[in-house]
């Protein structure tokens, strides 16, 4: 299943206004019924939740944290992906 999440990211440290970022994510259920969400454009960015809605909420936090860590380590924030 494909979905899209929107994240308002505060880049005030760079003197910019907060901006809206959109990320395509992949949503699936594991064998135990837990919802798993992955953001392919950010390597290793995965989250989960008991419901689809909670998993999508959790991936927003995971995306924000992954972007912060990648920025702190001088890594590209995202990688190119092809979302079909």
Protein backbone atom coordinates (compact mmCIF):
# COMPACT_ATOMS: atom_id res chain seq x y z
CA UNK A 1 0.00 0.00 0.00
CA UNK A 2 1.26 3.45 -0.81
CA UNK A 3 0.55 6.62 1.13
CA UNK A 4 1.90 10.11 1.55
CA UNK A 5 2.65 11.92 4.80
CA UNK A 6 3.13 15.64 5.28
CA UNK A 7 5.60 17.00 7.80
CA UNK A 8 6.05 20.62 8.78
CA UNK A 9 9.76 20.97 9.42
CA UNK A 10 11.10 23.96 11.32
CA UNK A 11 14.31 25.09 9.65
CA UNK A 12 14.64 28.26 11.74
CA UNK A 13 18.25 27.31 12.52
CA UNK A 14 18.94 28.18 8.88
CA UNK A 15 16.96 31.41 9.03
CA UNK A 16 14.11 29.99 6.99
CA UNK A 17 10.43 29.83 7.76
CA UNK A 18 8.97 26.43 8.57
CA UNK A 19 8.06 24.55 5.41
CA UNK A 20 5.88 21.67 4.44
CA UNK A 21 7.67 18.54 3.27
CA UNK A 22 5.86 15.62 1.62
CA UNK A 23 7.19 12.08 1.70
CA UNK A 24 5.91 8.99 -0.05
CA UNK A 25 5.77 6.00 2.27
CA UNK A 26 5.00 2.32 1.95
CA UNK A 27 2.47 0.86 4.39
CA UNK A 28 2.16 -2.86 5.08
CA UNK A 29 0.99 -5.23 7.79
CA UNK A 30 3.18 -7.93 9.27
CA UNK A 31 2.05 -11.44 10.21
CA UNK A 32 1.11 -10.24 13.73
CA UNK A 33 -1.17 -7.51 12.38
CA UNK A 34 1.17 -4.64 13.24
CA UNK A 35 1.27 -1.84 10.66
CA UNK A 36 4.77 -1.13 9.29
CA UNK A 37 5.60 2.10 7.45
CA UNK A 38 8.81 2.77 5.51
CA UNK A 39 10.01 6.00 3.92
CA UNK A 40 12.13 4.81 0.95
CA UNK A 41 13.67 8.24 0.31
CA UNK A 42 15.34 8.19 3.75
CA UNK A 43 17.44 5.03 4.18
CA UNK A 44 16.55 3.12 7.35
CA UNK A 45 13.53 5.27 8.18
CA UNK A 46 10.89 2.81 9.38
CA UNK A 47 8.17 2.92 12.02
CA UNK A 48 5.15 0.93 13.12
CA UNK A 49 1.84 1.17 14.94
CA UNK A 50 -1.08 -0.89 16.16
CA UNK A 51 -3.33 0.89 13.65
CA UNK A 52 -2.63 2.30 10.19
CA UNK A 53 -3.32 5.81 11.49
CA UNK A 54 -0.91 5.40 14.43
CA UNK A 55 1.79 3.99 12.13
CA UNK A 56 1.43 7.00 9.81
CA UNK A 57 1.61 9.34 12.81
CA UNK A 58 4.73 7.53 14.09
CA UNK A 59 6.53 7.71 10.73
CA UNK A 60 6.28 11.51 10.87
CA UNK A 61 8.30 11.48 14.10
CA UNK A 62 10.74 8.97 12.60
CA UNK A 63 11.19 11.12 9.49
CA UNK A 64 11.89 14.23 11.57
CA UNK A 65 14.46 12.38 13.68
CA UNK A 66 16.12 10.75 10.67
CA UNK A 67 16.42 14.12 8.91
CA UNK A 68 17.95 15.64 12.04
CA UNK A 69 20.54 12.87 12.39
CA UNK A 70 21.40 12.91 8.69
CA UNK A 71 21.83 16.69 8.83
CA UNK A 72 24.06 16.50 11.92
CA UNK A 73 26.28 13.92 10.19
CA UNK A 74 26.51 15.83 6.92
CA UNK A 75 24.62 13.17 4.97
CA UNK A 76 22.20 13.99 2.15
CA UNK A 77 18.76 14.36 3.70
CA UNK A 78 17.11 12.10 1.15
CA UNK A 79 18.06 9.77 -1.67
CA UNK A 80 16.42 9.56 -5.07
CA UNK A 81 13.66 6.99 -5.28
CA UNK A 82 11.17 5.95 -7.91
CA UNK A 83 7.72 5.67 -6.39
CA UNK A 84 5.45 3.82 -8.81
